[in-house]
Each structure stands twice: as C-alpha cells, then as structure tokens.
N, C-alpha and C. Protein backbone atom coordinates (compact mmCIF):
# COMPACT_ATOMS: atom_id res chain seq x y z
N MET A 1 -7.27 -38.73 -16.91
CA MET A 1 -6.41 -39.64 -17.63
C MET A 1 -7.10 -40.98 -17.89
N LYS A 2 -7.81 -41.47 -16.87
CA LYS A 2 -8.50 -42.75 -16.99
C LYS A 2 -9.59 -42.67 -18.07
N ASN A 3 -10.30 -41.52 -18.14
CA ASN A 3 -11.35 -41.34 -19.14
C ASN A 3 -10.77 -41.30 -20.55
N LYS A 4 -9.63 -40.67 -20.72
CA LYS A 4 -8.99 -40.61 -22.04
C LYS A 4 -8.58 -42.01 -22.51
N LEU A 5 -8.07 -42.81 -21.59
CA LEU A 5 -7.67 -44.16 -21.93
C LEU A 5 -8.89 -44.99 -22.36
N LEU A 6 -9.99 -44.85 -21.64
CA LEU A 6 -11.21 -45.58 -22.00
C LEU A 6 -11.74 -45.16 -23.37
N VAL A 7 -11.71 -43.86 -23.64
CA VAL A 7 -12.15 -43.36 -24.95
C VAL A 7 -11.25 -43.91 -26.05
N PHE A 8 -9.96 -43.88 -25.82
CA PHE A 8 -9.00 -44.39 -26.79
C PHE A 8 -9.24 -45.88 -27.06
N LEU A 9 -9.42 -46.67 -26.02
CA LEU A 9 -9.67 -48.10 -26.18
C LEU A 9 -10.99 -48.36 -26.91
N ALA A 10 -12.02 -47.60 -26.59
CA ALA A 10 -13.31 -47.76 -27.24
C ALA A 10 -13.21 -47.43 -28.73
N LEU A 11 -12.51 -46.36 -29.07
CA LEU A 11 -12.32 -45.99 -30.47
C LEU A 11 -11.53 -47.07 -31.21
N GLY A 12 -10.49 -47.57 -30.59
CA GLY A 12 -9.69 -48.62 -31.20
C GLY A 12 -10.49 -49.89 -31.45
N ALA A 13 -11.29 -50.28 -30.46
CA ALA A 13 -12.13 -51.47 -30.61
C ALA A 13 -13.16 -51.27 -31.72
N GLY A 14 -13.76 -50.10 -31.77
CA GLY A 14 -14.74 -49.80 -32.82
C GLY A 14 -14.12 -49.85 -34.20
N LEU A 15 -12.92 -49.31 -34.34
CA LEU A 15 -12.22 -49.33 -35.62
C LEU A 15 -11.91 -50.77 -36.04
N MET A 16 -11.44 -51.57 -35.11
CA MET A 16 -11.13 -52.97 -35.44
C MET A 16 -12.38 -53.73 -35.85
N LEU A 17 -13.48 -53.52 -35.17
CA LEU A 17 -14.72 -54.22 -35.52
C LEU A 17 -15.24 -53.79 -36.89
N SER A 18 -15.14 -52.51 -37.20
CA SER A 18 -15.66 -52.04 -38.48
C SER A 18 -14.80 -52.53 -39.65
N THR A 19 -13.52 -52.61 -39.51
CA THR A 19 -12.68 -53.10 -40.61
C THR A 19 -12.82 -54.60 -40.79
N THR A 20 -13.08 -55.33 -39.73
CA THR A 20 -13.30 -56.77 -39.85
C THR A 20 -14.50 -57.05 -40.73
N ALA A 21 -15.58 -56.29 -40.55
CA ALA A 21 -16.79 -56.50 -41.35
C ALA A 21 -16.51 -56.23 -42.83
N VAL A 22 -15.74 -55.23 -43.12
CA VAL A 22 -15.42 -54.90 -44.52
C VAL A 22 -14.64 -56.04 -45.16
N PHE A 23 -13.62 -56.56 -44.48
CA PHE A 23 -12.83 -57.64 -45.06
C PHE A 23 -13.61 -58.93 -45.14
N ALA A 24 -14.51 -59.17 -44.21
CA ALA A 24 -15.31 -60.39 -44.23
C ALA A 24 -16.21 -60.42 -45.46
N HIS A 25 -16.77 -59.30 -45.85
CA HIS A 25 -17.68 -59.26 -46.98
C HIS A 25 -16.95 -59.32 -48.31
N HIS A 26 -15.84 -58.66 -48.44
CA HIS A 26 -15.15 -58.57 -49.72
C HIS A 26 -14.00 -59.57 -49.78
N GLY A 27 -14.36 -60.85 -49.97
CA GLY A 27 -13.36 -61.90 -49.99
C GLY A 27 -13.05 -62.41 -51.38
N THR A 28 -13.30 -61.59 -52.42
CA THR A 28 -13.10 -62.05 -53.80
C THR A 28 -11.67 -62.56 -54.02
N ASN A 29 -10.68 -61.81 -53.57
CA ASN A 29 -9.29 -62.22 -53.78
C ASN A 29 -8.95 -63.50 -53.03
N ALA A 30 -9.55 -63.69 -51.86
CA ALA A 30 -9.26 -64.88 -51.06
C ALA A 30 -10.02 -66.10 -51.58
N SER A 31 -11.22 -65.91 -52.07
CA SER A 31 -12.08 -67.03 -52.47
C SER A 31 -11.87 -67.50 -53.90
N TYR A 32 -11.48 -66.61 -54.79
CA TYR A 32 -11.42 -66.93 -56.22
C TYR A 32 -10.02 -66.73 -56.78
N ASP A 33 -9.67 -67.55 -57.75
CA ASP A 33 -8.35 -67.47 -58.39
C ASP A 33 -8.41 -66.44 -59.52
N LEU A 34 -8.02 -65.22 -59.20
CA LEU A 34 -8.13 -64.12 -60.15
C LEU A 34 -7.06 -64.17 -61.24
N ASP A 35 -6.12 -65.10 -61.11
CA ASP A 35 -5.08 -65.25 -62.14
C ASP A 35 -5.51 -66.23 -63.24
N HIS A 36 -6.64 -66.91 -63.05
CA HIS A 36 -7.11 -67.88 -64.02
C HIS A 36 -8.56 -67.60 -64.41
N THR A 37 -8.86 -67.83 -65.67
CA THR A 37 -10.22 -67.70 -66.17
C THR A 37 -10.61 -69.00 -66.83
N VAL A 38 -11.79 -69.48 -66.49
CA VAL A 38 -12.33 -70.70 -67.08
C VAL A 38 -13.52 -70.29 -67.94
N THR A 39 -13.54 -70.74 -69.20
CA THR A 39 -14.64 -70.45 -70.11
C THR A 39 -15.36 -71.75 -70.41
N MET A 40 -16.69 -71.73 -70.27
CA MET A 40 -17.51 -72.93 -70.44
C MET A 40 -18.76 -72.61 -71.24
N LYS A 41 -19.36 -73.64 -71.81
CA LYS A 41 -20.68 -73.53 -72.42
C LYS A 41 -21.64 -74.23 -71.48
N GLY A 42 -22.78 -73.59 -71.25
CA GLY A 42 -23.75 -74.18 -70.33
C GLY A 42 -25.15 -73.67 -70.57
N LYS A 43 -26.05 -74.09 -69.68
CA LYS A 43 -27.46 -73.71 -69.76
C LYS A 43 -27.86 -73.05 -68.45
N VAL A 44 -28.52 -71.90 -68.56
CA VAL A 44 -28.98 -71.19 -67.36
C VAL A 44 -30.00 -72.05 -66.62
N ALA A 45 -29.79 -72.19 -65.31
CA ALA A 45 -30.76 -72.87 -64.45
C ALA A 45 -31.59 -71.83 -63.69
N GLU A 46 -30.90 -70.79 -63.18
CA GLU A 46 -31.59 -69.76 -62.39
C GLU A 46 -30.73 -68.50 -62.35
N PHE A 47 -31.38 -67.35 -62.43
CA PHE A 47 -30.70 -66.06 -62.31
C PHE A 47 -31.40 -65.27 -61.22
N LEU A 48 -30.66 -64.92 -60.19
CA LEU A 48 -31.21 -64.18 -59.06
C LEU A 48 -30.74 -62.74 -59.10
N TRP A 49 -31.66 -61.84 -59.28
CA TRP A 49 -31.40 -60.39 -59.36
C TRP A 49 -31.57 -59.85 -57.95
N VAL A 50 -30.54 -60.00 -57.12
CA VAL A 50 -30.63 -59.66 -55.70
C VAL A 50 -29.38 -58.91 -55.25
N ASN A 51 -29.55 -58.14 -54.18
CA ASN A 51 -28.42 -57.49 -53.52
C ASN A 51 -27.87 -58.44 -52.47
N PRO A 52 -26.60 -58.40 -52.15
CA PRO A 52 -25.62 -57.44 -52.63
C PRO A 52 -24.98 -57.85 -53.96
N HIS A 53 -25.12 -59.13 -54.37
CA HIS A 53 -24.53 -59.59 -55.63
C HIS A 53 -25.54 -60.49 -56.34
N CYS A 54 -25.75 -60.26 -57.62
CA CYS A 54 -26.60 -61.14 -58.41
C CYS A 54 -25.92 -62.51 -58.51
N GLN A 55 -26.74 -63.54 -58.57
CA GLN A 55 -26.24 -64.91 -58.64
C GLN A 55 -26.78 -65.60 -59.88
N LEU A 56 -25.93 -66.39 -60.53
CA LEU A 56 -26.34 -67.17 -61.68
C LEU A 56 -25.98 -68.62 -61.43
N TYR A 57 -26.95 -69.50 -61.64
CA TYR A 57 -26.71 -70.93 -61.53
C TYR A 57 -26.89 -71.51 -62.94
N PHE A 58 -25.92 -72.30 -63.36
CA PHE A 58 -25.95 -72.83 -64.73
C PHE A 58 -25.37 -74.23 -64.75
N ASP A 59 -25.83 -75.03 -65.70
CA ASP A 59 -25.42 -76.42 -65.82
C ASP A 59 -24.43 -76.58 -66.95
N VAL A 60 -23.35 -77.30 -66.67
CA VAL A 60 -22.28 -77.54 -67.63
C VAL A 60 -22.02 -79.04 -67.67
N ALA A 61 -21.90 -79.60 -68.86
CA ALA A 61 -21.55 -81.01 -68.99
C ALA A 61 -20.04 -81.15 -68.88
N ASP A 62 -19.58 -82.05 -67.99
CA ASP A 62 -18.14 -82.26 -67.86
C ASP A 62 -17.66 -83.17 -69.00
N ASP A 63 -16.37 -83.49 -69.01
CA ASP A 63 -15.81 -84.25 -70.11
C ASP A 63 -16.34 -85.69 -70.19
N LYS A 64 -17.04 -86.16 -69.15
CA LYS A 64 -17.64 -87.49 -69.18
C LYS A 64 -19.14 -87.43 -69.49
N GLY A 65 -19.65 -86.22 -69.72
CA GLY A 65 -21.06 -86.06 -70.02
C GLY A 65 -21.94 -85.85 -68.80
N ASN A 66 -21.34 -85.85 -67.62
CA ASN A 66 -22.10 -85.60 -66.40
C ASN A 66 -22.39 -84.11 -66.28
N VAL A 67 -23.60 -83.77 -65.87
CA VAL A 67 -23.97 -82.36 -65.73
C VAL A 67 -23.57 -81.88 -64.35
N VAL A 68 -22.85 -80.76 -64.33
CA VAL A 68 -22.40 -80.15 -63.08
C VAL A 68 -23.08 -78.79 -62.95
N ARG A 69 -23.71 -78.55 -61.83
CA ARG A 69 -24.34 -77.25 -61.57
C ARG A 69 -23.29 -76.30 -61.00
N TRP A 70 -23.05 -75.20 -61.71
CA TRP A 70 -22.12 -74.16 -61.30
C TRP A 70 -22.89 -72.99 -60.71
N GLY A 71 -22.23 -72.24 -59.86
CA GLY A 71 -22.77 -71.00 -59.33
C GLY A 71 -21.82 -69.88 -59.68
N GLY A 72 -22.38 -68.75 -60.09
CA GLY A 72 -21.55 -67.59 -60.42
C GLY A 72 -22.06 -66.35 -59.72
N GLU A 73 -21.13 -65.57 -59.24
CA GLU A 73 -21.44 -64.32 -58.55
C GLU A 73 -21.01 -63.16 -59.42
N THR A 74 -21.80 -62.11 -59.41
CA THR A 74 -21.44 -60.91 -60.15
C THR A 74 -21.75 -59.69 -59.29
N ASN A 75 -21.84 -58.54 -59.90
CA ASN A 75 -22.07 -57.30 -59.15
C ASN A 75 -23.53 -57.14 -58.74
N SER A 76 -23.81 -56.03 -58.09
CA SER A 76 -25.17 -55.72 -57.65
C SER A 76 -26.06 -55.37 -58.83
N PRO A 77 -27.38 -55.47 -58.65
CA PRO A 77 -28.29 -55.09 -59.74
C PRO A 77 -28.06 -53.67 -60.25
N GLY A 78 -27.77 -52.73 -59.38
CA GLY A 78 -27.55 -51.35 -59.81
C GLY A 78 -26.35 -51.21 -60.74
N VAL A 79 -25.26 -51.86 -60.40
CA VAL A 79 -24.06 -51.81 -61.24
C VAL A 79 -24.34 -52.50 -62.57
N LEU A 80 -25.01 -53.64 -62.52
CA LEU A 80 -25.30 -54.37 -63.76
C LEU A 80 -26.25 -53.58 -64.67
N MET A 81 -27.25 -52.91 -64.09
CA MET A 81 -28.16 -52.09 -64.90
C MET A 81 -27.41 -51.00 -65.64
N ARG A 82 -26.46 -50.37 -64.97
CA ARG A 82 -25.69 -49.31 -65.62
C ARG A 82 -24.81 -49.86 -66.74
N SER A 83 -24.59 -51.17 -66.72
CA SER A 83 -23.79 -51.81 -67.77
C SER A 83 -24.65 -52.48 -68.83
N GLY A 84 -25.97 -52.26 -68.78
CA GLY A 84 -26.86 -52.77 -69.81
C GLY A 84 -27.60 -54.06 -69.48
N TRP A 85 -27.37 -54.62 -68.30
CA TRP A 85 -28.08 -55.84 -67.92
C TRP A 85 -29.52 -55.49 -67.54
N LYS A 86 -30.40 -56.49 -67.62
CA LYS A 86 -31.79 -56.38 -67.16
C LYS A 86 -32.11 -57.61 -66.32
N LYS A 87 -33.09 -57.46 -65.47
CA LYS A 87 -33.51 -58.57 -64.61
C LYS A 87 -33.91 -59.80 -65.42
N THR A 88 -34.42 -59.58 -66.62
CA THR A 88 -34.94 -60.68 -67.45
C THR A 88 -33.98 -61.12 -68.55
N ILE A 89 -32.73 -60.67 -68.51
CA ILE A 89 -31.80 -60.94 -69.62
C ILE A 89 -31.37 -62.40 -69.68
N LEU A 90 -31.37 -63.09 -68.54
CA LEU A 90 -30.99 -64.51 -68.50
C LEU A 90 -32.17 -65.32 -67.98
N LYS A 91 -32.62 -66.27 -68.79
CA LYS A 91 -33.77 -67.09 -68.43
C LYS A 91 -33.38 -68.56 -68.39
N PRO A 92 -34.05 -69.34 -67.53
CA PRO A 92 -33.76 -70.78 -67.49
C PRO A 92 -33.85 -71.39 -68.89
N GLY A 93 -32.85 -72.19 -69.21
CA GLY A 93 -32.80 -72.85 -70.51
C GLY A 93 -31.94 -72.11 -71.53
N ASP A 94 -31.64 -70.83 -71.28
CA ASP A 94 -30.77 -70.08 -72.21
C ASP A 94 -29.40 -70.75 -72.27
N GLU A 95 -28.90 -70.93 -73.49
CA GLU A 95 -27.55 -71.46 -73.66
C GLU A 95 -26.58 -70.29 -73.66
N ILE A 96 -25.52 -70.43 -72.88
CA ILE A 96 -24.56 -69.34 -72.71
C ILE A 96 -23.13 -69.87 -72.81
N THR A 97 -22.24 -68.95 -73.13
CA THR A 97 -20.81 -69.18 -72.96
C THR A 97 -20.39 -68.23 -71.86
N ILE A 98 -19.78 -68.76 -70.82
CA ILE A 98 -19.50 -67.96 -69.63
C ILE A 98 -18.05 -68.10 -69.23
N SER A 99 -17.45 -66.98 -68.83
CA SER A 99 -16.07 -66.96 -68.33
C SER A 99 -16.09 -66.52 -66.87
N VAL A 100 -15.43 -67.31 -66.03
CA VAL A 100 -15.40 -67.01 -64.59
C VAL A 100 -13.98 -67.14 -64.06
N HIS A 101 -13.72 -66.44 -62.97
CA HIS A 101 -12.53 -66.73 -62.16
C HIS A 101 -12.99 -67.82 -61.19
N PRO A 102 -12.40 -69.02 -61.25
CA PRO A 102 -12.90 -70.14 -60.45
C PRO A 102 -12.54 -70.05 -58.97
N SER A 103 -13.25 -70.85 -58.20
CA SER A 103 -13.00 -70.97 -56.77
C SER A 103 -11.60 -71.52 -56.51
N ARG A 104 -10.95 -70.99 -55.50
CA ARG A 104 -9.64 -71.52 -55.10
C ARG A 104 -9.80 -72.91 -54.46
N ALA A 105 -11.00 -73.20 -53.96
CA ALA A 105 -11.24 -74.48 -53.28
C ALA A 105 -11.54 -75.61 -54.26
N GLY A 106 -11.67 -75.29 -55.56
CA GLY A 106 -11.94 -76.32 -56.55
C GLY A 106 -13.41 -76.67 -56.70
N THR A 107 -14.28 -75.96 -56.02
CA THR A 107 -15.71 -76.20 -56.14
C THR A 107 -16.25 -75.51 -57.39
N PRO A 108 -17.39 -75.94 -57.91
CA PRO A 108 -17.92 -75.36 -59.15
C PRO A 108 -18.63 -74.01 -58.94
N VAL A 109 -17.85 -73.03 -58.53
CA VAL A 109 -18.35 -71.66 -58.36
C VAL A 109 -17.28 -70.71 -58.88
N GLY A 110 -17.70 -69.49 -59.20
CA GLY A 110 -16.74 -68.52 -59.67
C GLY A 110 -17.32 -67.12 -59.71
N VAL A 111 -16.44 -66.17 -59.95
CA VAL A 111 -16.84 -64.78 -60.15
C VAL A 111 -16.99 -64.59 -61.66
N ILE A 112 -18.19 -64.21 -62.07
CA ILE A 112 -18.49 -64.05 -63.49
C ILE A 112 -17.73 -62.85 -64.06
N GLN A 113 -17.08 -63.07 -65.18
CA GLN A 113 -16.38 -62.00 -65.88
C GLN A 113 -17.11 -61.61 -67.16
N ARG A 114 -17.65 -62.62 -67.85
CA ARG A 114 -18.25 -62.35 -69.16
C ARG A 114 -19.23 -63.47 -69.51
N ILE A 115 -20.34 -63.08 -70.12
CA ILE A 115 -21.32 -64.05 -70.62
C ILE A 115 -21.63 -63.67 -72.06
N VAL A 116 -21.65 -64.67 -72.95
CA VAL A 116 -22.04 -64.44 -74.34
C VAL A 116 -23.33 -65.23 -74.57
N LEU A 117 -24.36 -64.51 -75.02
CA LEU A 117 -25.65 -65.12 -75.32
C LEU A 117 -25.63 -65.69 -76.73
N PRO A 118 -26.58 -66.57 -77.06
CA PRO A 118 -26.59 -67.19 -78.41
C PRO A 118 -26.66 -66.18 -79.55
N ASP A 119 -27.28 -65.01 -79.30
CA ASP A 119 -27.38 -64.00 -80.37
C ASP A 119 -26.12 -63.15 -80.48
N GLY A 120 -25.10 -63.47 -79.67
CA GLY A 120 -23.84 -62.73 -79.72
C GLY A 120 -23.74 -61.58 -78.72
N THR A 121 -24.83 -61.30 -78.01
CA THR A 121 -24.80 -60.25 -76.99
C THR A 121 -23.78 -60.62 -75.93
N VAL A 122 -22.92 -59.66 -75.59
CA VAL A 122 -21.89 -59.87 -74.58
C VAL A 122 -22.26 -59.09 -73.32
N LEU A 123 -22.29 -59.80 -72.20
CA LEU A 123 -22.55 -59.20 -70.90
C LEU A 123 -21.25 -59.21 -70.11
N GLU A 124 -20.75 -58.04 -69.77
CA GLU A 124 -19.54 -57.95 -68.96
C GLU A 124 -19.96 -57.80 -67.51
N ARG A 125 -19.06 -58.06 -66.61
CA ARG A 125 -19.34 -58.01 -65.18
C ARG A 125 -19.87 -56.66 -64.75
N GLY A 126 -19.46 -55.61 -65.39
CA GLY A 126 -20.03 -54.30 -65.08
C GLY A 126 -19.01 -53.30 -64.63
N ALA A 127 -19.36 -52.04 -64.84
CA ALA A 127 -18.51 -50.94 -64.41
C ALA A 127 -18.35 -51.01 -62.90
N GLY A 128 -17.18 -50.70 -62.46
CA GLY A 128 -16.93 -50.72 -61.01
C GLY A 128 -16.50 -52.09 -60.52
N ALA A 129 -16.37 -53.06 -61.42
CA ALA A 129 -15.93 -54.38 -61.00
C ALA A 129 -14.49 -54.30 -60.53
N SER A 130 -14.23 -54.88 -59.37
CA SER A 130 -12.86 -54.84 -58.86
C SER A 130 -11.99 -55.84 -59.58
N ASN A 131 -12.54 -56.90 -60.09
CA ASN A 131 -11.85 -57.92 -60.88
C ASN A 131 -12.85 -58.70 -61.68
C-alpha cells in the first residue's frame, strides 16, 4: 500500500511539473492583447531567424516624431518557411507596414500578425499560428 501511494504521488508531481512548463512557455494569451491589432509603418532594425520564435525589431516614429524601437515575435523558422518566409526576407532598413497584437503591459512589443513589404508582398504569421 505504501509503495502504491508513493508511485501515485510521484506520478502526480511529474504531471504537475510537466504542465507548468507548457503553460510557462505558451503565454501568448496572457502577454498580448489578442482582441486588438495595431498597424504601424516602420523600418526593420534586425530580424532574428531563431528557434523557438523568430524575432523582429523595428523602429516606428511616434506622433511626436520620436523613434520607438518595437519588438515582434512570430512563429518558428520551420512554420514560417512553410508559409513562404525566408531567412533573408527582412533586412535592416527595409520599410514595412506591420500589424501586431500589442503587449498587455503597454510596452512596445507584440505578436506579429502581418507584414507588408514595399513591393506589396504580404507575410502572414504562418500556418499553425494559434493567434
């Protein structure tokens, strides 16, 4: 009986630890306002083609003319490749129109939904995007 109880407790603890890691990583709903989309014009500062999520840093002039550096998160390189993205598709200095779900904290970060390049090419977040 004592051994069964120990096994049960160990399994329960393992399950709790594994689900905590899943929720800790996937905080899109908690971190970003998925009910609102902000669309801006800006200039690419840096594009990082990295796992687990590609990152885009871009500069946007606010209504007073001050430049604000934004950060945007999107899907993994594999998901983006299947949606037509390439590692070299965004280069520093490229002018873009970008739509993001903004941070709930009010900081200049967001989850990228759509990018329009000057030639009219549209980059969507990618297949498999949860939001």
